[in-house]
Amino acid sequence: MKTVNANGVRNFGDLMETIFDGRFNTMFKDDHATGPVMQPPVNIYEMEQGFNIEVMAPGVAKEDIKLSVLDHILTISYDKSEPAKETSGKLLRNEFGVKSFKRSFTLGEKVDAGKINASFENGILKIALSKKEVIKPAQVEIAIN
């Protein structure tokens, strides 16, 4: 039962319960069959020439990240099996061993899917998407006979 005081603030016990049952951090989705699945946070910027997406992926090797575009949908995925680790105590929650993540973004008609570049540095995946060149309709002069 959640207890809220007159100012709308939850008590410390309820907050700790929320943290330990996984509702505190929305970066992880807990699939009870396979364990925590990361939903990495992103920053998206629109620039004059295109869009930039930054994906936070600490502890992930760039060789294990896959980027693909299909039907105007950019998909970023990571899937890796982590070896079992022995611990000296009872493990109550394990979020370090991220096994996979997947994020998808609809590109729309403005993005040139053939001109996407990506780099990975210090746990941040940076994706640059170029906008398609705007083709202005040509004006044709028609002679009157």
C-alpha atoms as a PDB file:
ATOM      1  CA  MET A   1       0.000   0.000   0.000  1.00  0.00           C
ATOM      2  CA  LYS A   2       1.402   3.396  -0.989  1.00  0.00           C
ATOM      3  CA  THR A   3       1.309   6.086   1.640  1.00  0.00           C
ATOM      4  CA  VAL A   4       1.317   9.692   0.500  1.00  0.00           C
ATOM      5  CA  ASN A   5       1.478  12.631   2.893  1.00  0.00           C
ATOM      6  CA  ALA A   6      -0.501  15.894   2.531  1.00  0.00           C
ATOM      7  CA  ASN A   7       2.192  17.325   0.222  1.00  0.00           C
ATOM      8  CA  GLY A   8       1.937  14.390  -2.199  1.00  0.00           C
ATOM      9  CA  VAL A   9       5.289  12.910  -1.144  1.00  0.00           C
ATOM     10  CA  ARG A  10       5.608   9.144  -0.703  1.00  0.00           C
ATOM     11  CA  ASN A  11       7.236   7.751   2.408  1.00  0.00           C
ATOM     12  CA  PHE A  12      10.740   6.289   2.280  1.00  0.00           C
ATOM     13  CA  GLY A  13       9.594   2.680   2.740  1.00  0.00           C
ATOM     14  CA  ASP A  14       7.307   2.883  -0.281  1.00  0.00           C
ATOM     15  CA  LEU A  15      10.081   4.460  -2.357  1.00  0.00           C
ATOM     16  CA  MET A  16      12.516   1.673  -1.444  1.00  0.00           C
ATOM     17  CA  GLU A  17       9.874  -0.930  -2.301  1.00  0.00           C
ATOM     18  CA  THR A  18       9.418   0.712  -5.693  1.00  0.00           C
ATOM     19  CA  ILE A  19      13.165   0.689  -6.352  1.00  0.00           C
ATOM     20  CA  PHE A  20      13.537  -2.989  -5.503  1.00  0.00           C
ATOM     21  CA  ASP A  21      10.523  -4.172  -7.474  1.00  0.00           C
ATOM     22  CA  GLY A  22      11.884  -2.520 -10.637  1.00  0.00           C
ATOM     23  CA  ARG A  23       9.434   0.340 -11.163  1.00  0.00           C
ATOM     24  CA  PHE A  24      12.001   3.019 -10.331  1.00  0.00           C
ATOM     25  CA  ASN A  25      14.200   2.700 -13.409  1.00  0.00           C
ATOM     26  CA  THR A  26      12.329   2.661 -16.711  1.00  0.00           C
ATOM     27  CA  MET A  27      15.584   1.978 -18.562  1.00  0.00           C
ATOM     28  CA  PHE A  28      15.024  -1.734 -17.941  1.00  0.00           C
ATOM     29  CA  LYS A  29      12.039  -3.873 -18.817  1.00  0.00           C
ATOM     30  CA  ASP A  30      11.967  -7.027 -16.721  1.00  0.00           C
ATOM     31  CA  ASP A  31      10.991 -10.114 -18.653  1.00  0.00           C
ATOM     32  CA  HIS A  32      10.709 -12.708 -15.906  1.00  0.00           C
ATOM     33  CA  ALA A  33      11.571 -15.531 -18.329  1.00  0.00           C
ATOM     34  CA  THR A  34      14.832 -14.045 -19.610  1.00  0.00           C
ATOM     35  CA  GLY A  35      15.713 -11.357 -17.048  1.00  0.00           C
ATOM     36  CA  PRO A  36      16.184  -7.635 -17.517  1.00  0.00           C
ATOM     37  CA  VAL A  37      16.034  -6.275 -21.051  1.00  0.00           C
ATOM     38  CA  MET A  38      17.470  -2.807 -21.498  1.00  0.00           C
ATOM     39  CA  GLN A  39      15.461  -0.021 -23.093  1.00  0.00           C
ATOM     40  CA  PRO A  40      18.345   2.402 -23.662  1.00  0.00           C
ATOM     41  CA  PRO A  41      17.685   6.122 -23.359  1.00  0.00           C
ATOM     42  CA  VAL A  42      18.149   8.260 -26.449  1.00  0.00           C
ATOM     43  CA  ASN A  43      18.630  11.887 -27.423  1.00  0.00           C
ATOM     44  CA  ILE A  44      17.292  12.979 -30.807  1.00  0.00           C
ATOM     45  CA  TYR A  45      18.245  16.254 -32.467  1.00  0.00           C
ATOM     46  CA  GLU A  46      16.989  17.823 -35.670  1.00  0.00           C
ATOM     47  CA  MET A  47      19.585  19.799 -37.591  1.00  0.00           C
ATOM     48  CA  GLU A  48      19.261  21.704 -40.843  1.00  0.00           C
ATOM     49  CA  GLN A  49      20.881  18.873 -42.854  1.00  0.00           C
ATOM     50  CA  GLY A  50      19.455  15.928 -40.914  1.00  0.00           C
ATOM     51  CA  PHE A  51      18.824  14.253 -37.595  1.00  0.00           C
ATOM     52  CA  ASN A  52      21.215  12.963 -34.930  1.00  0.00           C
ATOM     53  CA  ILE A  53      20.348  10.127 -32.567  1.00  0.00           C
ATOM     54  CA  GLU A  54      22.469   9.335 -29.526  1.00  0.00           C
ATOM     55  CA  VAL A  55      21.874   6.002 -27.798  1.00  0.00           C
ATOM     56  CA  MET A  56      23.319   5.325 -24.350  1.00  0.00           C
ATOM     57  CA  ALA A  57      24.867   1.835 -24.404  1.00  0.00           C
ATOM     58  CA  PRO A  58      27.530   1.544 -21.686  1.00  0.00           C
ATOM     59  CA  GLY A  59      29.359  -1.758 -21.428  1.00  0.00           C
ATOM     60  CA  VAL A  60      28.339  -2.781 -24.945  1.00  0.00           C
ATOM     61  CA  ALA A  61      30.928  -3.539 -27.644  1.00  0.00           C
ATOM     62  CA  LYS A  62      30.287  -1.797 -30.953  1.00  0.00           C
ATOM     63  CA  GLU A  63      30.778  -5.113 -32.784  1.00  0.00           C
ATOM     64  CA  ASP A  64      27.683  -6.469 -31.031  1.00  0.00           C
ATOM     65  CA  ILE A  65      25.365  -3.630 -32.062  1.00  0.00           C
ATOM     66  CA  LYS A  66      23.251  -4.079 -35.177  1.00  0.00           C
ATOM     67  CA  LEU A  67      21.659  -1.253 -37.185  1.00  0.00           C
ATOM     68  CA  SER A  68      19.190  -1.896 -39.960  1.00  0.00           C
ATOM     69  CA  VAL A  69      16.531  -0.076 -41.970  1.00  0.00           C
ATOM     70  CA  LEU A  70      13.475  -1.842 -43.341  1.00  0.00           C
ATOM     71  CA  ASP A  71      10.324  -0.119 -44.610  1.00  0.00           C
ATOM     72  CA  HIS A  72      11.419   3.297 -43.245  1.00  0.00           C
ATOM     73  CA  ILE A  73      12.049   1.863 -39.762  1.00  0.00           C
ATOM     74  CA  LEU A  74      15.522   2.185 -38.229  1.00  0.00           C
ATOM     75  CA  THR A  75      16.176  -0.623 -35.738  1.00  0.00           C
ATOM     76  CA  ILE A  76      19.034  -0.608 -33.245  1.00  0.00           C
ATOM     77  CA  SER A  77      19.589  -3.918 -31.484  1.00  0.00           C
ATOM     78  CA  TYR A  78      22.039  -5.689 -29.223  1.00  0.00           C
ATOM     79  CA  ASP A  79      21.899  -9.327 -28.200  1.00  0.00           C
ATOM     80  CA  LYS A  80      24.658 -10.979 -26.195  1.00  0.00           C
ATOM     81  CA  SER A  81      24.801 -13.859 -23.759  1.00  0.00           C
ATOM     82  CA  GLU A  82      26.574 -13.015 -20.543  1.00  0.00           C
ATOM     83  CA  PRO A  83      28.432 -15.840 -18.754  1.00  0.00           C
ATOM     84  CA  ALA A  84      27.082 -16.781 -15.338  1.00  0.00           C
ATOM     85  CA  LYS A  85      28.986 -15.150 -12.489  1.00  0.00           C
ATOM     86  CA  GLU A  86      29.491 -16.595  -9.056  1.00  0.00           C
ATOM     87  CA  THR A  87      28.570 -14.322  -6.179  1.00  0.00           C
ATOM     88  CA  SER A  88      29.363 -14.549  -2.500  1.00  0.00           C
ATOM     89  CA  GLY A  89      25.891 -13.427  -1.405  1.00  0.00           C
ATOM     90  CA  LYS A  90      22.299 -13.837  -2.425  1.00  0.00           C
ATOM     91  CA  LEU A  91      21.675 -11.789  -5.576  1.00  0.00           C
ATOM     92  CA  LEU A  92      18.454  -9.799  -5.165  1.00  0.00           C
ATOM     93  CA  ARG A  93      18.498  -7.972  -8.517  1.00  0.00           C
ATOM     94  CA  ASN A  94      20.852  -8.279 -11.496  1.00  0.00           C
ATOM     95  CA  GLU A  95      20.780  -5.392 -13.964  1.00  0.00           C
ATOM     96  CA  PHE A  96      24.477  -5.382 -14.888  1.00  0.00           C
ATOM     97  CA  GLY A  97      24.184  -8.367 -17.216  1.00  0.00           C
ATOM     98  CA  VAL A  98      22.199  -6.682 -19.988  1.00  0.00           C
ATOM     99  CA  LYS A  99      21.426  -9.411 -22.486  1.00  0.00           C
ATOM    100  CA  SER A 100      19.694  -7.440 -25.171  1.00  0.00           C
ATOM    101  CA  PHE A 101      18.039  -4.245 -26.216  1.00  0.00           C
ATOM    102  CA  LYS A 102      16.101  -3.046 -29.188  1.00  0.00           C
ATOM    103  CA  ARG A 103      14.874   0.388 -30.201  1.00  0.00           C
ATOM    104  CA  SER A 104      13.065   1.246 -33.418  1.00  0.00           C
ATOM    105  CA  PHE A 105      12.391   4.622 -34.992  1.00  0.00           C
ATOM    106  CA  THR A 106      10.166   5.480 -37.935  1.00  0.00           C
ATOM    107  CA  LEU A 107      12.241   7.544 -40.349  1.00  0.00           C
ATOM    108  CA  GLY A 108       9.512   9.154 -42.409  1.00  0.00           C
ATOM    109  CA  GLU A 109       9.864  10.564 -45.870  1.00  0.00           C
ATOM    110  CA  LYS A 110      12.393  13.287 -44.949  1.00  0.00           C
ATOM    111  CA  VAL A 111      15.274  10.882 -44.229  1.00  0.00           C
ATOM    112  CA  ASP A 112      17.578   9.500 -46.903  1.00  0.00           C
ATOM    113  CA  ALA A 113      17.991   5.874 -45.732  1.00  0.00           C
ATOM    114  CA  GLY A 114      21.021   5.455 -48.004  1.00  0.00           C
ATOM    115  CA  LYS A 115      22.951   8.169 -46.147  1.00  0.00           C
ATOM    116  CA  ILE A 116      23.005   6.971 -42.553  1.00  0.00           C
ATOM    117  CA  ASN A 117      26.305   7.003 -40.659  1.00  0.00           C
ATOM    118  CA  ALA A 118      27.041   5.655 -37.195  1.00  0.00           C
ATOM    119  CA  SER A 119      29.905   5.844 -34.719  1.00  0.00           C
ATOM    120  CA  PHE A 120      30.412   4.462 -31.221  1.00  0.00           C
ATOM    121  CA  GLU A 121      32.546   6.084 -28.555  1.00  0.00           C
ATOM    122  CA  ASN A 122      32.581   5.958 -24.748  1.00  0.00           C
ATOM    123  CA  GLY A 123      29.349   3.957 -24.546  1.00  0.00           C
ATOM    124  CA  ILE A 124      27.375   6.321 -26.795  1.00  0.00           C
ATOM    125  CA  LEU A 125      26.141   5.217 -30.224  1.00  0.00           C
ATOM    126  CA  LYS A 126      25.799   8.247 -32.500  1.00  0.00           C
ATOM    127  CA  ILE A 127      23.694   7.921 -35.629  1.00  0.00           C
ATOM    128  CA  ALA A 128      23.576  10.675 -38.252  1.00  0.00           C
ATOM    129  CA  LEU A 129      20.617  10.622 -40.630  1.00  0.00           C
ATOM    130  CA  SER A 130      20.713  12.915 -43.651  1.00  0.00           C
ATOM    131  CA  LYS A 131      17.593  14.619 -44.889  1.00  0.00           C
ATOM    132  CA  LYS A 132      16.612  14.069 -48.495  1.00  0.00           C
ATOM    133  CA  GLU A 133      17.333  16.955 -50.792  1.00  0.00           C
ATOM    134  CA  VAL A 134      14.246  18.964 -51.446  1.00  0.00           C
ATOM    135  CA  ILE A 135      13.572  18.892 -55.152  1.00  0.00           C
ATOM    136  CA  LYS A 136      11.964  22.106 -56.193  1.00  0.00           C
ATOM    137  CA  PRO A 137       9.571  21.760 -59.074  1.00  0.00           C
ATOM    138  CA  ALA A 138      11.052  23.158 -62.233  1.00  0.00           C
ATOM    139  CA  GLN A 139       9.151  25.979 -63.794  1.00  0.00           C
ATOM    140  CA  VAL A 140       8.638  25.490 -67.502  1.00  0.00           C
ATOM    141  CA  GLU A 141       7.795  28.380 -69.754  1.00  0.00           C
ATOM    142  CA  ILE A 142       5.245  27.483 -72.379  1.00  0.00           C
ATOM    143  CA  ALA A 143       5.193  29.436 -75.606  1.00  0.00           C
ATOM    144  CA  ILE A 144       1.814  30.539 -76.891  1.00  0.00           C
ATOM    145  CA  ASN A 145       1.327  29.997 -80.640  1.00  0.00           C
END
